[in-house]
Amino acid sequence: MSQSEIFKKELLLRLGNNIRDLRMQQGVSQEELAFKIDSARNFIGCIERAEKSPTIFTLFRIARALNVKLEILVKDIDRF
């Protein structure tokens, strides 16, 4: 795996963890979050496991669904 791939995977893992932590703190299931953003539950799981890279639009919809600013979702993902 190249340095670029490792970097991308690390960023996606941190993003996924942030989303999962916020979702769980609010007692929202993956299915509920998926419904709120008009998506599939497995897509939320893929984002949380860093298997998918969400678009900025998807991140915005997730932030709105969790009632947080977009910057909260990406908090600390650039710290290496």
PDB file of N, CA and C in Angstrom:
ATOM      1  N   MET A   1       0.848  -1.177   0.000  1.00  0.00           N
ATOM      2  CA  MET A   1       0.000   0.000   0.000  1.00  0.00           C
ATOM      3  C   MET A   1       0.894   1.240   0.000  1.00  0.00           C
ATOM      4  N   SER A   2       0.598   2.184  -0.881  1.00  0.00           N
ATOM      5  CA  SER A   2       1.415   3.393  -0.987  1.00  0.00           C
ATOM      6  C   SER A   2       1.131   4.351   0.170  1.00  0.00           C
ATOM      7  N   GLN A   3       2.021   5.314   0.344  1.00  0.00           N
ATOM      8  CA  GLN A   3       1.839   6.342   1.388  1.00  0.00           C
ATOM      9  C   GLN A   3       0.526   7.089   1.185  1.00  0.00           C
ATOM     10  N   SER A   4       0.206   7.378  -0.065  1.00  0.00           N
ATOM     11  CA  SER A   4      -1.035   8.084  -0.387  1.00  0.00           C
ATOM     12  C   SER A   4      -2.259   7.269   0.024  1.00  0.00           C
ATOM     13  N   GLU A   5      -2.229   5.986  -0.237  1.00  0.00           N
ATOM     14  CA  GLU A   5      -3.337   5.105   0.140  1.00  0.00           C
ATOM     15  C   GLU A   5      -3.456   4.988   1.652  1.00  0.00           C
ATOM     16  N   ILE A   6      -2.329   4.915   2.329  1.00  0.00           N
ATOM     17  CA  ILE A   6      -2.327   4.844   3.797  1.00  0.00           C
ATOM     18  C   ILE A   6      -2.907   6.128   4.378  1.00  0.00           C
ATOM     19  N   PHE A   7      -2.495   7.262   3.842  1.00  0.00           N
ATOM     20  CA  PHE A   7      -2.991   8.557   4.290  1.00  0.00           C
ATOM     21  C   PHE A   7      -4.505   8.654   4.095  1.00  0.00           C
ATOM     22  N   LYS A   8      -4.979   8.269   2.923  1.00  0.00           N
ATOM     23  CA  LYS A   8      -6.418   8.313   2.640  1.00  0.00           C
ATOM     24  C   LYS A   8      -7.185   7.408   3.592  1.00  0.00           C
ATOM     25  N   LYS A   9      -6.688   6.200   3.805  1.00  0.00           N
ATOM     26  CA  LYS A   9      -7.360   5.253   4.697  1.00  0.00           C
ATOM     27  C   LYS A   9      -7.421   5.805   6.119  1.00  0.00           C
ATOM     28  N   GLU A  10      -6.348   6.412   6.586  1.00  0.00           N
ATOM     29  CA  GLU A  10      -6.313   6.986   7.931  1.00  0.00           C
ATOM     30  C   GLU A  10      -7.330   8.125   8.061  1.00  0.00           C
ATOM     31  N   LEU A  11      -7.389   8.977   7.054  1.00  0.00           N
ATOM     32  CA  LEU A  11      -8.375  10.068   7.075  1.00  0.00           C
ATOM     33  C   LEU A  11      -9.794   9.516   7.124  1.00  0.00           C
ATOM     34  N   LEU A  12     -10.070   8.520   6.300  1.00  0.00           N
ATOM     35  CA  LEU A  12     -11.408   7.942   6.267  1.00  0.00           C
ATOM     36  C   LEU A  12     -11.752   7.222   7.564  1.00  0.00           C
ATOM     37  N   LEU A  13     -10.764   6.573   8.187  1.00  0.00           N
ATOM     38  CA  LEU A  13     -11.002   5.920   9.475  1.00  0.00           C
ATOM     39  C   LEU A  13     -11.364   6.936  10.552  1.00  0.00           C
ATOM     40  N   ARG A  14     -10.646   8.048  10.586  1.00  0.00           N
ATOM     41  CA  ARG A  14     -10.934   9.082  11.572  1.00  0.00           C
ATOM     42  C   ARG A  14     -12.303   9.704  11.330  1.00  0.00           C
ATOM     43  N   LEU A  15     -12.616   9.964  10.081  1.00  0.00           N
ATOM     44  CA  LEU A  15     -13.923  10.511   9.745  1.00  0.00           C
ATOM     45  C   LEU A  15     -15.030   9.539  10.156  1.00  0.00           C
ATOM     46  N   GLY A  16     -14.871   8.288   9.806  1.00  0.00           N
ATOM     47  CA  GLY A  16     -15.857   7.269  10.168  1.00  0.00           C
ATOM     48  C   GLY A  16     -16.044   7.152  11.665  1.00  0.00           C
ATOM     49  N   ASN A  17     -14.940   7.210  12.403  1.00  0.00           N
ATOM     50  CA  ASN A  17     -15.027   7.150  13.867  1.00  0.00           C
ATOM     51  C   ASN A  17     -15.762   8.358  14.424  1.00  0.00           C
ATOM     52  N   ASN A  18     -15.500   9.539  13.869  1.00  0.00           N
ATOM     53  CA  ASN A  18     -16.196  10.745  14.323  1.00  0.00           C
ATOM     54  C   ASN A  18     -17.703  10.612  14.099  1.00  0.00           C
ATOM     55  N   ILE A  19     -18.081  10.139  12.929  1.00  0.00           N
ATOM     56  CA  ILE A  19     -19.498   9.981  12.618  1.00  0.00           C
ATOM     57  C   ILE A  19     -20.126   8.949  13.546  1.00  0.00           C
ATOM     58  N   ARG A  20     -19.469   7.811  13.716  1.00  0.00           N
ATOM     59  CA  ARG A  20     -19.993   6.761  14.598  1.00  0.00           C
ATOM     60  C   ARG A  20     -20.136   7.270  16.029  1.00  0.00           C
ATOM     61  N   ASP A  21     -19.112   7.960  16.530  1.00  0.00           N
ATOM     62  CA  ASP A  21     -19.167   8.474  17.903  1.00  0.00           C
ATOM     63  C   ASP A  21     -20.325   9.445  18.099  1.00  0.00           C
ATOM     64  N   LEU A  22     -20.478  10.379  17.163  1.00  0.00           N
ATOM     65  CA  LEU A  22     -21.577  11.347  17.257  1.00  0.00           C
ATOM     66  C   LEU A  22     -22.935  10.650  17.175  1.00  0.00           C
ATOM     67  N   ARG A  23     -23.047   9.730  16.250  1.00  0.00           N
ATOM     68  CA  ARG A  23     -24.308   8.996  16.077  1.00  0.00           C
ATOM     69  C   ARG A  23     -24.668   8.230  17.337  1.00  0.00           C
ATOM     70  N   MET A  24     -23.705   7.539  17.917  1.00  0.00           N
ATOM     71  CA  MET A  24     -23.956   6.742  19.111  1.00  0.00           C
ATOM     72  C   MET A  24     -24.234   7.619  20.333  1.00  0.00           C
ATOM     73  N   GLN A  25     -23.533   8.737  20.458  1.00  0.00           N
ATOM     74  CA  GLN A  25     -23.785   9.665  21.564  1.00  0.00           C
ATOM     75  C   GLN A  25     -25.232  10.145  21.548  1.00  0.00           C
ATOM     76  N   GLN A  26     -25.789  10.267  20.358  1.00  0.00           N
ATOM     77  CA  GLN A  26     -27.162  10.746  20.219  1.00  0.00           C
ATOM     78  C   GLN A  26     -28.182   9.612  20.230  1.00  0.00           C
ATOM     79  N   GLY A  27     -27.705   8.386  20.321  1.00  0.00           N
ATOM     80  CA  GLY A  27     -28.609   7.237  20.349  1.00  0.00           C
ATOM     81  C   GLY A  27     -29.310   6.999  19.024  1.00  0.00           C
ATOM     82  N   VAL A  28     -28.635   7.346  17.932  1.00  0.00           N
ATOM     83  CA  VAL A  28     -29.196   7.184  16.588  1.00  0.00           C
ATOM     84  C   VAL A  28     -28.595   5.930  15.954  1.00  0.00           C
ATOM     85  N   SER A  29     -29.445   5.068  15.434  1.00  0.00           N
ATOM     86  CA  SER A  29     -28.949   3.863  14.766  1.00  0.00           C
ATOM     87  C   SER A  29     -28.479   4.212  13.352  1.00  0.00           C
ATOM     88  N   GLN A  30     -27.728   3.296  12.764  1.00  0.00           N
ATOM     89  CA  GLN A  30     -27.314   3.488  11.372  1.00  0.00           C
ATOM     90  C   GLN A  30     -28.541   3.590  10.476  1.00  0.00           C
ATOM     91  N   GLU A  31     -29.537   2.787  10.758  1.00  0.00           N
ATOM     92  CA  GLU A  31     -30.761   2.806   9.961  1.00  0.00           C
ATOM     93  C   GLU A  31     -31.473   4.155  10.073  1.00  0.00           C
ATOM     94  N   GLU A  32     -31.554   4.711  11.276  1.00  0.00           N
ATOM     95  CA  GLU A  32     -32.197   6.017  11.459  1.00  0.00           C
ATOM     96  C   GLU A  32     -31.427   7.115  10.728  1.00  0.00           C
ATOM     97  N   LEU A  33     -30.107   7.081  10.836  1.00  0.00           N
ATOM     98  CA  LEU A  33     -29.299   8.087  10.157  1.00  0.00           C
ATOM     99  C   LEU A  33     -29.462   7.961   8.646  1.00  0.00           C
ATOM    100  N   ALA A  34     -29.438   6.742   8.161  1.00  0.00           N
ATOM    101  CA  ALA A  34     -29.609   6.517   6.721  1.00  0.00           C
ATOM    102  C   ALA A  34     -30.955   7.068   6.253  1.00  0.00           C
ATOM    103  N   PHE A  35     -32.005   6.836   7.017  1.00  0.00           N
ATOM    104  CA  PHE A  35     -33.325   7.351   6.656  1.00  0.00           C
ATOM    105  C   PHE A  35     -33.317   8.876   6.603  1.00  0.00           C
ATOM    106  N   LYS A  36     -32.670   9.499   7.591  1.00  0.00           N
ATOM    107  CA  LYS A  36     -32.624  10.962   7.659  1.00  0.00           C
ATOM    108  C   LYS A  36     -31.898  11.581   6.465  1.00  0.00           C
ATOM    109  N   ILE A  37     -30.931  10.856   5.909  1.00  0.00           N
ATOM    110  CA  ILE A  37     -30.176  11.422   4.779  1.00  0.00           C
ATOM    111  C   ILE A  37     -30.581  10.775   3.449  1.00  0.00           C
ATOM    112  N   ASP A  38     -31.647   9.984   3.493  1.00  0.00           N
ATOM    113  CA  ASP A  38     -32.166   9.331   2.291  1.00  0.00           C
ATOM    114  C   ASP A  38     -31.107   8.450   1.639  1.00  0.00           C
ATOM    115  N   SER A  39     -30.599   7.533   2.445  1.00  0.00           N
ATOM    116  CA  SER A  39     -29.541   6.635   1.995  1.00  0.00           C
ATOM    117  C   SER A  39     -29.819   5.238   2.540  1.00  0.00           C
ATOM    118  N   ALA A  40     -28.955   4.299   2.224  1.00  0.00           N
ATOM    119  CA  ALA A  40     -29.084   2.931   2.723  1.00  0.00           C
ATOM    120  C   ALA A  40     -28.257   2.755   4.001  1.00  0.00           C
ATOM    121  N   ARG A  41     -28.759   1.899   4.905  1.00  0.00           N
ATOM    122  CA  ARG A  41     -28.062   1.652   6.164  1.00  0.00           C
ATOM    123  C   ARG A  41     -26.651   1.127   5.925  1.00  0.00           C
ATOM    124  N   ASN A  42     -26.500   0.243   4.951  1.00  0.00           N
ATOM    125  CA  ASN A  42     -25.169  -0.318   4.713  1.00  0.00           C
ATOM    126  C   ASN A  42     -24.180   0.745   4.233  1.00  0.00           C
ATOM    127  N   PHE A  43     -24.675   1.820   3.595  1.00  0.00           N
ATOM    128  CA  PHE A  43     -23.794   2.899   3.174  1.00  0.00           C
ATOM    129  C   PHE A  43     -23.216   3.624   4.392  1.00  0.00           C
ATOM    130  N   ILE A  44     -24.035   3.837   5.413  1.00  0.00           N
ATOM    131  CA  ILE A  44     -23.556   4.462   6.656  1.00  0.00           C
ATOM    132  C   ILE A  44     -22.487   3.575   7.282  1.00  0.00           C
ATOM    133  N   GLY A  45     -22.730   2.274   7.321  1.00  0.00           N
ATOM    134  CA  GLY A  45     -21.742   1.344   7.862  1.00  0.00           C
ATOM    135  C   GLY A  45     -20.443   1.382   7.079  1.00  0.00           C
ATOM    136  N   CYS A  46     -20.535   1.472   5.768  1.00  0.00           N
ATOM    137  CA  CYS A  46     -19.331   1.545   4.932  1.00  0.00           C
ATOM    138  C   CYS A  46     -18.539   2.818   5.202  1.00  0.00           C
ATOM    139  N   ILE A  47     -19.231   3.926   5.421  1.00  0.00           N
ATOM    140  CA  ILE A  47     -18.547   5.182   5.758  1.00  0.00           C
ATOM    141  C   ILE A  47     -17.860   5.032   7.112  1.00  0.00           C
ATOM    142  N   GLU A  48     -18.565   4.496   8.079  1.00  0.00           N
ATOM    143  CA  GLU A  48     -17.999   4.353   9.420  1.00  0.00           C
ATOM    144  C   GLU A  48     -16.813   3.393   9.456  1.00  0.00           C
ATOM    145  N   ARG A  49     -16.788   2.412   8.574  1.00  0.00           N
ATOM    146  CA  ARG A  49     -15.670   1.458   8.510  1.00  0.00           C
ATOM    147  C   ARG A  49     -14.594   1.877   7.521  1.00  0.00           C
ATOM    148  N   ALA A  50     -14.725   3.067   6.959  1.00  0.00           N
ATOM    149  CA  ALA A  50     -13.749   3.624   6.008  1.00  0.00           C
ATOM    150  C   ALA A  50     -13.674   2.814   4.719  1.00  0.00           C
ATOM    151  N   GLU A  51     -14.781   2.208   4.346  1.00  0.00           N
ATOM    152  CA  GLU A  51     -14.836   1.458   3.096  1.00  0.00           C
ATOM    153  C   GLU A  51     -15.332   2.320   1.938  1.00  0.00           C
ATOM    154  N   LYS A  52     -15.987   3.428   2.266  1.00  0.00           N
ATOM    155  CA  LYS A  52     -16.492   4.367   1.255  1.00  0.00           C
ATOM    156  C   LYS A  52     -16.033   5.773   1.616  1.00  0.00           C
ATOM    157  N   SER A  53     -15.822   6.572   0.601  1.00  0.00           N
ATOM    158  CA  SER A  53     -15.429   7.960   0.782  1.00  0.00           C
ATOM    159  C   SER A  53     -16.632   8.842   0.434  1.00  0.00           C
ATOM    160  N   PRO A  54     -17.274   9.417   1.449  1.00  0.00           N
ATOM    161  CA  PRO A  54     -18.475  10.202   1.172  1.00  0.00           C
ATOM    162  C   PRO A  54     -18.157  11.527   0.486  1.00  0.00           C
ATOM    163  N   THR A  55     -19.103  11.997  -0.307  1.00  0.00           N
ATOM    164  CA  THR A  55     -18.956  13.304  -0.938  1.00  0.00           C
ATOM    165  C   THR A  55     -19.170  14.393   0.109  1.00  0.00           C
ATOM    166  N   ILE A  56     -18.795  15.601  -0.229  1.00  0.00           N
ATOM    167  CA  ILE A  56     -19.021  16.728   0.675  1.00  0.00           C
ATOM    168  C   ILE A  56     -20.513  16.929   0.900  1.00  0.00           C
ATOM    169  N   PHE A  57     -21.321  16.678  -0.113  1.00  0.00           N
ATOM    170  CA  PHE A  57     -22.770  16.792   0.022  1.00  0.00           C
ATOM    171  C   PHE A  57     -23.298  15.775   1.032  1.00  0.00           C
ATOM    172  N   THR A  58     -22.814  14.545   0.974  1.00  0.00           N
ATOM    173  CA  THR A  58     -23.225  13.521   1.934  1.00  0.00           C
ATOM    174  C   THR A  58     -22.796  13.905   3.338  1.00  0.00           C
ATOM    175  N   LEU A  59     -21.580  14.420   3.489  1.00  0.00           N
ATOM    176  CA  LEU A  59     -21.119  14.854   4.807  1.00  0.00           C
ATOM    177  C   LEU A  59     -22.002  15.976   5.348  1.00  0.00           C
ATOM    178  N   PHE A  60     -22.399  16.889   4.492  1.00  0.00           N
ATOM    179  CA  PHE A  60     -23.285  17.971   4.898  1.00  0.00           C
ATOM    180  C   PHE A  60     -24.624  17.415   5.375  1.00  0.00           C
ATOM    181  N   ARG A  61     -25.172  16.458   4.645  1.00  0.00           N
ATOM    182  CA  ARG A  61     -26.458  15.855   5.048  1.00  0.00           C
ATOM    183  C   ARG A  61     -26.328  15.100   6.373  1.00  0.00           C
ATOM    184  N   ILE A  62     -25.205  14.410   6.576  1.00  0.00           N
ATOM    185  CA  ILE A  62     -24.985  13.711   7.845  1.00  0.00           C
ATOM    186  C   ILE A  62     -24.901  14.716   8.989  1.00  0.00           C
ATOM    187  N   ALA A  63     -24.157  15.783   8.785  1.00  0.00           N
ATOM    188  CA  ALA A  63     -24.024  16.813   9.819  1.00  0.00           C
ATOM    189  C   ALA A  63     -25.393  17.387  10.181  1.00  0.00           C
ATOM    190  N   ARG A  64     -26.184  17.697   9.191  1.00  0.00           N
ATOM    191  CA  ARG A  64     -27.528  18.245   9.453  1.00  0.00           C
ATOM    192  C   ARG A  64     -28.394  17.236  10.185  1.00  0.00           C
ATOM    193  N   ALA A  65     -28.312  15.973   9.787  1.00  0.00           N
ATOM    194  CA  ALA A  65     -29.119  14.930  10.427  1.00  0.00           C
ATOM    195  C   ALA A  65     -28.732  14.742  11.889  1.00  0.00           C
ATOM    196  N   LEU A  66     -27.450  14.961  12.196  1.00  0.00           N
ATOM    197  CA  LEU A  66     -26.968  14.822  13.579  1.00  0.00           C
ATOM    198  C   LEU A  66     -26.975  16.158  14.325  1.00  0.00           C
ATOM    199  N   ASN A  67     -27.462  17.204  13.672  1.00  0.00           N
ATOM    200  CA  ASN A  67     -27.553  18.540  14.281  1.00  0.00           C
ATOM    201  C   ASN A  67     -26.212  19.067  14.777  1.00  0.00           C
ATOM    202  N   VAL A  68     -25.190  18.897  13.938  1.00  0.00           N
ATOM    203  CA  VAL A  68     -23.861  19.429  14.249  1.00  0.00           C
ATOM    204  C   VAL A  68     -23.345  20.176  13.027  1.00  0.00           C
ATOM    205  N   LYS A  69     -22.362  21.019  13.253  1.00  0.00           N
ATOM    206  CA  LYS A  69     -21.711  21.696  12.134  1.00  0.00           C
ATOM    207  C   LYS A  69     -20.819  20.698  11.408  1.00  0.00           C
ATOM    208  N   LEU A  70     -20.661  20.923  10.131  1.00  0.00           N
ATOM    209  CA  LEU A  70     -19.821  20.047   9.314  1.00  0.00           C
ATOM    210  C   LEU A  70     -18.421  19.922   9.895  1.00  0.00           C
ATOM    211  N   GLU A  71     -17.898  20.993  10.438  1.00  0.00           N
ATOM    212  CA  GLU A  71     -16.543  20.960  10.989  1.00  0.00           C
ATOM    213  C   GLU A  71     -16.405  19.967  12.141  1.00  0.00           C
ATOM    214  N   ILE A  72     -17.492  19.663  12.821  1.00  0.00           N
ATOM    215  CA  ILE A  72     -17.450  18.664  13.910  1.00  0.00           C
ATOM    216  C   ILE A  72     -17.189  17.264  13.337  1.00  0.00           C
ATOM    217  N   LEU A  73     -17.767  16.985  12.184  1.00  0.00           N
ATOM    218  CA  LEU A  73     -17.542  15.667  11.573  1.00  0.00           C
ATOM    219  C   LEU A  73     -16.085  15.447  11.198  1.00  0.00           C
ATOM    220  N   VAL A  74     -15.429  16.501  10.770  1.00  0.00           N
ATOM    221  CA  VAL A  74     -14.053  16.361  10.287  1.00  0.00           C
ATOM    222  C   VAL A  74     -13.025  16.767  11.360  1.00  0.00           C
ATOM    223  N   LYS A  75     -13.493  16.947  12.568  1.00  0.00           N
ATOM    224  CA  LYS A  75     -12.612  17.329  13.671  1.00  0.00           C
ATOM    225  C   LYS A  75     -11.460  16.335  13.826  1.00  0.00           C
ATOM    226  N   ASP A  76     -10.269  16.868  13.874  1.00  0.00           N
ATOM    227  CA  ASP A  76      -9.053  16.099  14.151  1.00  0.00           C
ATOM    228  C   ASP A  76      -8.651  15.096  13.079  1.00  0.00           C
ATOM    229  N   ILE A  77      -9.271  15.128  11.894  1.00  0.00           N
ATOM    230  CA  ILE A  77      -8.865  14.128  10.905  1.00  0.00           C
ATOM    231  C   ILE A  77      -7.560  14.482  10.242  1.00  0.00           C
ATOM    232  N   ASP A  78      -7.101  15.726  10.409  1.00  0.00           N
ATOM    233  CA  ASP A  78      -5.858  16.128   9.758  1.00  0.00           C
ATOM    234  C   ASP A  78      -4.651  16.071  10.697  1.00  0.00           C
ATOM    235  N   ARG A  79      -4.830  15.514  11.868  1.00  0.00           N
ATOM    236  CA  ARG A  79      -3.713  15.447  12.835  1.00  0.00           C
ATOM    237  C   ARG A  79      -2.986  14.120  12.718  1.00  0.00           C
ATOM    238  N   PHE A  80      -1.776  14.178  12.224  1.00  0.00           N
ATOM    239  CA  PHE A  80      -0.948  12.961  12.090  1.00  0.00           C
ATOM    240  C   PHE A  80       0.352  13.151  12.813  1.00  0.00           C
TER     241      PHE A  80
END
